[in-house]
Amino acid sequence: MIHKAEEHFFQAIDKYAANATVVIVRTMKDKFIDARETQARRTMKSAVDVHHRSATAIDEAARAQAEQELFERQEEDFQELEEHGLRKDFAPFVYVSHGM
């Protein structure tokens, strides 16, 4: 979600320092993945066919779903930049976890 202050910042960079390198850092990647993985695991465990899947298979599927949701969030970030008139390649997004 781009807030008004961020929008003004991006516009100023685009106007006055178009050649400057800008990197956008989104923090708490680990918390995002953990929350989505936990929710996916709960959903999968409550599914009817859970008895045919091992705990390891459920964990792997939940992790894959969480990673997919992170990818989708990244795409939403790019779309939001474009909606605000910024090119997709305006600035790379870096998604980091705690302690990185």
N, C-alpha and C. Protein backbone atom coordinates (compact mmCIF):
# COMPACT_ATOMS: atom_id res chain seq x y z
N MET A 1 0.85 -1.18 0.00
CA MET A 1 0.00 0.00 0.00
C MET A 1 0.89 1.24 0.00
N ILE A 2 0.73 2.07 -0.98
CA ILE A 2 1.51 3.30 -1.06
C ILE A 2 0.74 4.42 -0.39
N HIS A 3 1.38 5.01 0.60
CA HIS A 3 0.77 6.12 1.31
C HIS A 3 1.10 7.43 0.60
N LYS A 4 0.37 8.46 0.93
CA LYS A 4 0.53 9.75 0.26
C LYS A 4 1.98 10.27 0.37
N ALA A 5 2.60 10.12 1.54
CA ALA A 5 3.98 10.59 1.71
C ALA A 5 4.93 9.84 0.79
N GLU A 6 4.70 8.52 0.65
CA GLU A 6 5.53 7.74 -0.26
C GLU A 6 5.34 8.19 -1.70
N GLU A 7 4.11 8.47 -2.05
CA GLU A 7 3.81 8.92 -3.41
C GLU A 7 4.55 10.22 -3.71
N HIS A 8 4.51 11.15 -2.76
CA HIS A 8 5.23 12.43 -2.94
C HIS A 8 6.74 12.19 -3.03
N PHE A 9 7.24 11.28 -2.23
CA PHE A 9 8.66 10.95 -2.27
C PHE A 9 9.05 10.42 -3.65
N PHE A 10 8.27 9.46 -4.15
CA PHE A 10 8.57 8.89 -5.47
C PHE A 10 8.49 9.95 -6.57
N GLN A 11 7.52 10.83 -6.47
CA GLN A 11 7.39 11.89 -7.47
C GLN A 11 8.60 12.83 -7.42
N ALA A 12 9.06 13.17 -6.22
CA ALA A 12 10.23 14.04 -6.09
C ALA A 12 11.48 13.37 -6.63
N ILE A 13 11.64 12.09 -6.34
CA ILE A 13 12.79 11.35 -6.88
C ILE A 13 12.72 11.33 -8.40
N ASP A 14 11.54 11.04 -8.93
CA ASP A 14 11.37 10.98 -10.37
C ASP A 14 11.66 12.32 -11.03
N LYS A 15 11.27 13.40 -10.36
CA LYS A 15 11.43 14.73 -10.94
C LYS A 15 12.86 15.28 -10.79
N TYR A 16 13.44 15.13 -9.61
CA TYR A 16 14.72 15.79 -9.31
C TYR A 16 15.93 14.87 -9.34
N ALA A 17 15.73 13.59 -9.24
CA ALA A 17 16.87 12.67 -9.19
C ALA A 17 16.55 11.39 -9.95
N ALA A 18 16.13 11.57 -11.17
CA ALA A 18 15.68 10.43 -11.98
C ALA A 18 16.78 9.39 -12.17
N ASN A 19 18.03 9.80 -12.09
CA ASN A 19 19.15 8.87 -12.27
C ASN A 19 19.62 8.24 -10.97
N ALA A 20 19.01 8.62 -9.86
CA ALA A 20 19.41 8.06 -8.57
C ALA A 20 18.88 6.62 -8.45
N THR A 21 19.66 5.80 -7.81
CA THR A 21 19.25 4.42 -7.56
C THR A 21 18.38 4.39 -6.31
N VAL A 22 17.21 3.83 -6.45
CA VAL A 22 16.28 3.71 -5.33
C VAL A 22 15.95 2.24 -5.16
N VAL A 23 16.03 1.77 -3.93
CA VAL A 23 15.66 0.39 -3.61
C VAL A 23 14.58 0.46 -2.55
N ILE A 24 13.47 -0.21 -2.80
CA ILE A 24 12.37 -0.23 -1.84
C ILE A 24 12.48 -1.52 -1.04
N VAL A 25 12.52 -1.38 0.27
CA VAL A 25 12.67 -2.55 1.14
C VAL A 25 11.36 -2.79 1.87
N ARG A 26 10.83 -3.97 1.70
CA ARG A 26 9.63 -4.38 2.44
C ARG A 26 10.12 -5.35 3.51
N THR A 27 9.87 -5.00 4.76
CA THR A 27 10.35 -5.82 5.86
C THR A 27 9.30 -6.83 6.30
N MET A 28 9.68 -7.66 7.21
CA MET A 28 8.83 -8.68 7.83
C MET A 28 8.38 -9.76 6.85
N LYS A 29 9.25 -10.10 5.90
CA LYS A 29 8.96 -11.19 4.98
C LYS A 29 8.69 -12.47 5.76
N ASP A 30 9.51 -12.71 6.80
CA ASP A 30 9.35 -13.94 7.58
C ASP A 30 7.99 -13.99 8.26
N LYS A 31 7.51 -12.88 8.79
CA LYS A 31 6.21 -12.85 9.44
C LYS A 31 5.09 -13.06 8.42
N PHE A 32 5.24 -12.47 7.24
CA PHE A 32 4.25 -12.65 6.17
C PHE A 32 4.16 -14.14 5.80
N ILE A 33 5.32 -14.75 5.54
CA ILE A 33 5.36 -16.17 5.15
C ILE A 33 4.80 -17.03 6.28
N ASP A 34 5.23 -16.79 7.52
CA ASP A 34 4.77 -17.60 8.65
C ASP A 34 3.25 -17.52 8.81
N ALA A 35 2.71 -16.31 8.73
CA ALA A 35 1.26 -16.14 8.90
C ALA A 35 0.49 -16.86 7.80
N ARG A 36 0.94 -16.69 6.55
CA ARG A 36 0.25 -17.33 5.43
C ARG A 36 0.41 -18.85 5.48
N GLU A 37 1.60 -19.31 5.89
CA GLU A 37 1.83 -20.75 5.98
C GLU A 37 0.96 -21.38 7.07
N THR A 38 0.86 -20.72 8.20
CA THR A 38 0.02 -21.21 9.29
C THR A 38 -1.44 -21.29 8.86
N GLN A 39 -1.91 -20.24 8.20
CA GLN A 39 -3.30 -20.24 7.73
C GLN A 39 -3.54 -21.34 6.71
N ALA A 40 -2.61 -21.51 5.79
CA ALA A 40 -2.75 -22.56 4.77
C ALA A 40 -2.76 -23.94 5.42
N ARG A 41 -1.89 -24.15 6.40
CA ARG A 41 -1.82 -25.43 7.09
C ARG A 41 -3.15 -25.73 7.81
N ARG A 42 -3.69 -24.71 8.47
CA ARG A 42 -4.98 -24.90 9.16
C ARG A 42 -6.09 -25.26 8.17
N THR A 43 -6.10 -24.56 7.06
CA THR A 43 -7.12 -24.83 6.03
C THR A 43 -6.97 -26.24 5.49
N MET A 44 -5.74 -26.63 5.22
CA MET A 44 -5.50 -27.96 4.66
C MET A 44 -5.84 -29.06 5.65
N LYS A 45 -5.54 -28.82 6.92
CA LYS A 45 -5.83 -29.85 7.93
C LYS A 45 -7.33 -30.03 8.14
N SER A 46 -8.10 -28.99 7.88
CA SER A 46 -9.54 -29.11 8.04
C SER A 46 -10.23 -29.66 6.80
N ALA A 47 -9.46 -29.84 5.73
CA ALA A 47 -10.02 -30.36 4.48
C ALA A 47 -10.34 -31.85 4.63
N VAL A 48 -11.28 -32.30 3.86
CA VAL A 48 -11.74 -33.69 3.93
C VAL A 48 -10.63 -34.68 3.59
N ASP A 49 -9.81 -34.37 2.61
CA ASP A 49 -8.80 -35.33 2.15
C ASP A 49 -7.52 -35.31 2.97
N VAL A 50 -7.51 -34.62 4.10
CA VAL A 50 -6.30 -34.51 4.90
C VAL A 50 -5.81 -35.88 5.40
N HIS A 51 -6.70 -36.82 5.56
CA HIS A 51 -6.32 -38.13 6.07
C HIS A 51 -5.45 -38.89 5.08
N HIS A 52 -5.45 -38.49 3.84
CA HIS A 52 -4.64 -39.16 2.82
C HIS A 52 -3.29 -38.48 2.62
N ARG A 53 -3.02 -37.43 3.39
CA ARG A 53 -1.76 -36.69 3.23
C ARG A 53 -0.96 -36.75 4.52
N SER A 54 0.34 -36.88 4.38
CA SER A 54 1.20 -36.90 5.56
C SER A 54 1.39 -35.48 6.09
N ALA A 55 1.83 -35.37 7.32
CA ALA A 55 2.09 -34.06 7.90
C ALA A 55 3.17 -33.32 7.11
N THR A 56 4.15 -34.04 6.64
CA THR A 56 5.21 -33.43 5.83
C THR A 56 4.65 -32.88 4.53
N ALA A 57 3.78 -33.63 3.90
CA ALA A 57 3.17 -33.17 2.64
C ALA A 57 2.33 -31.92 2.88
N ILE A 58 1.61 -31.90 3.99
CA ILE A 58 0.80 -30.71 4.31
C ILE A 58 1.71 -29.51 4.56
N ASP A 59 2.80 -29.73 5.31
CA ASP A 59 3.74 -28.63 5.57
C ASP A 59 4.35 -28.09 4.28
N GLU A 60 4.73 -28.99 3.39
CA GLU A 60 5.32 -28.56 2.12
C GLU A 60 4.32 -27.81 1.27
N ALA A 61 3.10 -28.29 1.22
CA ALA A 61 2.05 -27.62 0.44
C ALA A 61 1.72 -26.25 1.04
N ALA A 62 1.69 -26.17 2.37
CA ALA A 62 1.41 -24.90 3.03
C ALA A 62 2.52 -23.89 2.76
N ARG A 63 3.77 -24.34 2.79
CA ARG A 63 4.90 -23.46 2.51
C ARG A 63 4.84 -22.97 1.07
N ALA A 64 4.54 -23.86 0.14
CA ALA A 64 4.44 -23.48 -1.27
C ALA A 64 3.33 -22.46 -1.48
N GLN A 65 2.22 -22.65 -0.81
CA GLN A 65 1.12 -21.69 -0.93
C GLN A 65 1.53 -20.33 -0.36
N ALA A 66 2.23 -20.32 0.76
CA ALA A 66 2.69 -19.06 1.36
C ALA A 66 3.66 -18.34 0.43
N GLU A 67 4.57 -19.09 -0.19
CA GLU A 67 5.52 -18.50 -1.14
C GLU A 67 4.77 -17.92 -2.34
N GLN A 68 3.74 -18.60 -2.81
CA GLN A 68 2.93 -18.11 -3.92
C GLN A 68 2.24 -16.80 -3.54
N GLU A 69 1.73 -16.74 -2.31
CA GLU A 69 1.07 -15.52 -1.85
C GLU A 69 2.06 -14.36 -1.74
N LEU A 70 3.32 -14.64 -1.37
CA LEU A 70 4.34 -13.59 -1.35
C LEU A 70 4.59 -13.10 -2.77
N PHE A 71 4.68 -14.02 -3.73
CA PHE A 71 4.87 -13.64 -5.13
C PHE A 71 3.72 -12.75 -5.59
N GLU A 72 2.48 -13.15 -5.24
CA GLU A 72 1.32 -12.35 -5.62
C GLU A 72 1.36 -10.97 -4.98
N ARG A 73 1.83 -10.88 -3.74
CA ARG A 73 1.97 -9.59 -3.05
C ARG A 73 2.99 -8.72 -3.77
N GLN A 74 4.07 -9.34 -4.23
CA GLN A 74 5.09 -8.60 -4.98
C GLN A 74 4.49 -8.03 -6.27
N GLU A 75 3.70 -8.83 -6.96
CA GLU A 75 3.05 -8.36 -8.18
C GLU A 75 2.09 -7.20 -7.88
N GLU A 76 1.38 -7.29 -6.76
CA GLU A 76 0.49 -6.19 -6.35
C GLU A 76 1.29 -4.92 -6.09
N ASP A 77 2.48 -5.06 -5.49
CA ASP A 77 3.34 -3.90 -5.25
C ASP A 77 3.71 -3.22 -6.56
N PHE A 78 4.10 -4.04 -7.55
CA PHE A 78 4.46 -3.47 -8.86
C PHE A 78 3.26 -2.79 -9.51
N GLN A 79 2.10 -3.42 -9.43
CA GLN A 79 0.89 -2.84 -10.01
C GLN A 79 0.56 -1.51 -9.35
N GLU A 80 0.75 -1.45 -8.05
CA GLU A 80 0.46 -0.21 -7.33
C GLU A 80 1.41 0.91 -7.75
N LEU A 81 2.67 0.58 -7.96
CA LEU A 81 3.60 1.60 -8.46
C LEU A 81 3.12 2.13 -9.81
N GLU A 82 2.74 1.21 -10.68
CA GLU A 82 2.30 1.61 -12.01
C GLU A 82 1.03 2.45 -11.96
N GLU A 83 0.13 2.13 -11.02
CA GLU A 83 -1.10 2.91 -10.87
C GLU A 83 -0.81 4.34 -10.45
N HIS A 84 0.33 4.53 -9.80
CA HIS A 84 0.72 5.87 -9.36
C HIS A 84 1.66 6.54 -10.36
N GLY A 85 1.71 5.98 -11.56
CA GLY A 85 2.47 6.61 -12.63
C GLY A 85 3.95 6.29 -12.64
N LEU A 86 4.37 5.30 -11.88
CA LEU A 86 5.78 4.94 -11.85
C LEU A 86 5.98 3.66 -12.65
N ARG A 87 7.10 3.61 -13.34
CA ARG A 87 7.41 2.41 -14.13
C ARG A 87 7.68 1.23 -13.21
N LYS A 88 7.40 0.05 -13.70
CA LYS A 88 7.63 -1.17 -12.92
C LYS A 88 9.10 -1.29 -12.52
N ASP A 89 9.99 -0.83 -13.38
CA ASP A 89 11.42 -0.92 -13.09
C ASP A 89 11.95 0.33 -12.39
N PHE A 90 11.04 1.17 -11.87
CA PHE A 90 11.46 2.39 -11.18
C PHE A 90 12.41 2.08 -10.05
N ALA A 91 12.09 1.09 -9.26
CA ALA A 91 12.93 0.71 -8.13
C ALA A 91 12.72 -0.76 -7.82
N PRO A 92 13.80 -1.47 -7.59
CA PRO A 92 13.61 -2.88 -7.21
C PRO A 92 13.05 -2.98 -5.80
N PHE A 93 12.22 -3.96 -5.60
CA PHE A 93 11.72 -4.27 -4.26
C PHE A 93 12.62 -5.35 -3.67
N VAL A 94 12.98 -5.18 -2.43
CA VAL A 94 13.73 -6.19 -1.70
C VAL A 94 12.88 -6.60 -0.52
N TYR A 95 12.59 -7.86 -0.42
CA TYR A 95 11.77 -8.39 0.66
C TYR A 95 12.69 -9.09 1.64
N VAL A 96 12.74 -8.59 2.88
CA VAL A 96 13.69 -9.12 3.85
C VAL A 96 12.99 -9.61 5.10
N SER A 97 13.65 -10.55 5.75
CA SER A 97 13.17 -11.07 7.02
C SER A 97 13.93 -10.41 8.15
N HIS A 98 13.43 -10.59 9.36
CA HIS A 98 14.08 -10.05 10.55
C HIS A 98 15.52 -10.56 10.64
N GLY A 99 16.43 -9.67 10.94
CA GLY A 99 17.82 -10.07 11.12
C GLY A 99 18.62 -10.12 9.84
N MET A 100 18.05 -9.70 8.74
CA MET A 100 18.80 -9.74 7.48
C MET A 100 19.35 -8.38 7.16
